[in-house]
Amino acid sequence: MQKLSNIAFCCASLIAVISVVWLTFPYAARSAQEVELTATPQGAEMFDDIDLGDFGLVPVLDLMQFYVDSPPLESNSSAKKVRFQGC
């Protein structure tokens, strides 16, 4: 009897999950137009300015130029790596 109730619970759970996915998928799926738009690259001038808090609104082109002019420093492999040891 216990085995039968376990199988019934598993089947009911699967049916519930599949029905929730079936009902909510249309709301989560993208339209063909959105998929096409995200597949084509956009120019940096097409993006809105980014709010950097105290710095204000900064255009994406300025951020890209700053990154090209001063790239991130490479890590020094001889430096001791700090590991988080927990509490």
C-alpha atoms as a PDB file:
ATOM      1  CA  MET A   1       0.000   0.000   0.000  1.00  0.00           C
ATOM      2  CA  GLN A   2       2.836   2.390   0.854  1.00  0.00           C
ATOM      3  CA  LYS A   3       4.486   1.738  -2.516  1.00  0.00           C
ATOM      4  CA  LEU A   4       1.265   2.574  -4.353  1.00  0.00           C
ATOM      5  CA  SER A   5       0.872   5.882  -2.506  1.00  0.00           C
ATOM      6  CA  ASN A   6       4.514   6.772  -3.284  1.00  0.00           C
ATOM      7  CA  ILE A   7       3.978   6.142  -6.990  1.00  0.00           C
ATOM      8  CA  ALA A   8       0.732   8.136  -6.927  1.00  0.00           C
ATOM      9  CA  PHE A   9       2.508  11.049  -5.224  1.00  0.00           C
ATOM     10  CA  CYS A  10       5.334  11.012  -7.797  1.00  0.00           C
ATOM     11  CA  CYS A  11       2.878  10.920 -10.695  1.00  0.00           C
ATOM     12  CA  ALA A  12       0.781  13.726  -9.215  1.00  0.00           C
ATOM     13  CA  SER A  13       3.911  15.826  -8.643  1.00  0.00           C
ATOM     14  CA  LEU A  14       5.069  15.304 -12.222  1.00  0.00           C
ATOM     15  CA  ILE A  15       1.642  16.211 -13.587  1.00  0.00           C
ATOM     16  CA  ALA A  16       1.540  19.349 -11.423  1.00  0.00           C
ATOM     17  CA  VAL A  17       5.006  20.498 -12.518  1.00  0.00           C
ATOM     18  CA  ILE A  18       4.349  19.802 -16.196  1.00  0.00           C
ATOM     19  CA  SER A  19       1.039  21.666 -16.070  1.00  0.00           C
ATOM     20  CA  VAL A  20       2.637  24.701 -14.376  1.00  0.00           C
ATOM     21  CA  VAL A  21       5.385  24.764 -17.018  1.00  0.00           C
ATOM     22  CA  TRP A  22       2.834  24.338 -19.804  1.00  0.00           C
ATOM     23  CA  LEU A  23       0.723  27.224 -18.479  1.00  0.00           C
ATOM     24  CA  THR A  24       3.583  29.660 -17.782  1.00  0.00           C
ATOM     25  CA  PHE A  25       5.830  28.998 -20.796  1.00  0.00           C
ATOM     26  CA  PRO A  26       3.968  31.378 -23.175  1.00  0.00           C
ATOM     27  CA  TYR A  27       4.573  34.236 -20.739  1.00  0.00           C
ATOM     28  CA  ALA A  28       8.301  33.461 -20.471  1.00  0.00           C
ATOM     29  CA  ALA A  29       8.990  32.782 -24.158  1.00  0.00           C
ATOM     30  CA  ARG A  30      10.324  35.544 -26.379  1.00  0.00           C
ATOM     31  CA  SER A  31       8.642  36.595 -29.583  1.00  0.00           C
ATOM     32  CA  ALA A  32      10.340  36.027 -32.933  1.00  0.00           C
ATOM     33  CA  GLN A  33      10.975  39.781 -33.216  1.00  0.00           C
ATOM     34  CA  GLU A  34      12.757  39.874 -29.837  1.00  0.00           C
ATOM     35  CA  VAL A  35      14.912  36.878 -30.757  1.00  0.00           C
ATOM     36  CA  GLU A  36      15.870  38.506 -34.064  1.00  0.00           C
ATOM     37  CA  LEU A  37      16.678  41.806 -32.350  1.00  0.00           C
ATOM     38  CA  THR A  38      18.945  40.155 -29.771  1.00  0.00           C
ATOM     39  CA  ALA A  39      20.730  38.130 -32.459  1.00  0.00           C
ATOM     40  CA  THR A  40      21.947  41.252 -34.272  1.00  0.00           C
ATOM     41  CA  PRO A  41      24.745  43.242 -32.615  1.00  0.00           C
ATOM     42  CA  GLN A  42      23.946  46.808 -31.587  1.00  0.00           C
ATOM     43  CA  GLY A  43      26.297  49.753 -31.859  1.00  0.00           C
ATOM     44  CA  ALA A  44      27.550  51.336 -28.640  1.00  0.00           C
ATOM     45  CA  GLU A  45      25.838  54.601 -29.538  1.00  0.00           C
ATOM     46  CA  MET A  46      22.470  52.802 -29.530  1.00  0.00           C
ATOM     47  CA  PHE A  47      22.616  52.085 -25.771  1.00  0.00           C
ATOM     48  CA  ASP A  48      21.245  54.445 -23.152  1.00  0.00           C
ATOM     49  CA  ASP A  49      23.621  56.255 -20.820  1.00  0.00           C
ATOM     50  CA  ILE A  50      24.565  54.318 -17.693  1.00  0.00           C
ATOM     51  CA  ASP A  51      23.975  55.834 -14.264  1.00  0.00           C
ATOM     52  CA  LEU A  52      27.156  55.456 -12.172  1.00  0.00           C
ATOM     53  CA  GLY A  53      25.828  57.050  -9.015  1.00  0.00           C
ATOM     54  CA  ASP A  54      28.128  59.905  -7.939  1.00  0.00           C
ATOM     55  CA  PHE A  55      29.680  60.081 -11.417  1.00  0.00           C
ATOM     56  CA  GLY A  56      26.299  60.721 -13.029  1.00  0.00           C
ATOM     57  CA  LEU A  57      25.205  59.490 -16.428  1.00  0.00           C
ATOM     58  CA  VAL A  58      28.061  58.187 -18.575  1.00  0.00           C
ATOM     59  CA  PRO A  59      27.744  57.220 -22.255  1.00  0.00           C
ATOM     60  CA  VAL A  60      28.720  53.659 -23.180  1.00  0.00           C
ATOM     61  CA  LEU A  61      31.272  54.979 -25.686  1.00  0.00           C
ATOM     62  CA  ASP A  62      33.110  56.811 -22.883  1.00  0.00           C
ATOM     63  CA  LEU A  63      33.164  53.666 -20.756  1.00  0.00           C
ATOM     64  CA  MET A  64      34.548  51.637 -23.646  1.00  0.00           C
ATOM     65  CA  GLN A  65      37.200  54.278 -24.369  1.00  0.00           C
ATOM     66  CA  PHE A  66      38.248  54.295 -20.699  1.00  0.00           C
ATOM     67  CA  TYR A  67      38.548  50.490 -20.729  1.00  0.00           C
ATOM     68  CA  VAL A  68      40.686  50.575 -23.892  1.00  0.00           C
ATOM     69  CA  ASP A  69      42.914  53.358 -22.521  1.00  0.00           C
ATOM     70  CA  SER A  70      43.395  51.731 -19.105  1.00  0.00           C
ATOM     71  CA  PRO A  71      42.733  47.979 -19.197  1.00  0.00           C
ATOM     72  CA  PRO A  72      42.533  45.979 -15.960  1.00  0.00           C
ATOM     73  CA  LEU A  73      45.851  45.039 -14.416  1.00  0.00           C
ATOM     74  CA  GLU A  74      47.012  41.476 -14.853  1.00  0.00           C
ATOM     75  CA  SER A  75      47.232  39.495 -11.653  1.00  0.00           C
ATOM     76  CA  ASN A  76      50.659  38.875 -10.191  1.00  0.00           C
ATOM     77  CA  SER A  77      51.009  35.097 -10.068  1.00  0.00           C
ATOM     78  CA  SER A  78      53.796  35.299  -7.455  1.00  0.00           C
ATOM     79  CA  ALA A  79      51.503  37.043  -4.958  1.00  0.00           C
ATOM     80  CA  LYS A  80      50.011  34.901  -2.217  1.00  0.00           C
ATOM     81  CA  LYS A  81      46.414  33.993  -2.977  1.00  0.00           C
ATOM     82  CA  VAL A  82      44.039  34.648  -0.104  1.00  0.00           C
ATOM     83  CA  ARG A  83      41.488  31.940   0.506  1.00  0.00           C
ATOM     84  CA  PHE A  84      38.327  32.381   2.455  1.00  0.00           C
ATOM     85  CA  GLN A  85      38.514  29.991   5.396  1.00  0.00           C
ATOM     86  CA  GLY A  86      35.001  30.498   6.716  1.00  0.00           C
ATOM     87  CA  CYS A  87      34.011  31.267  10.276  1.00  0.00           C
END
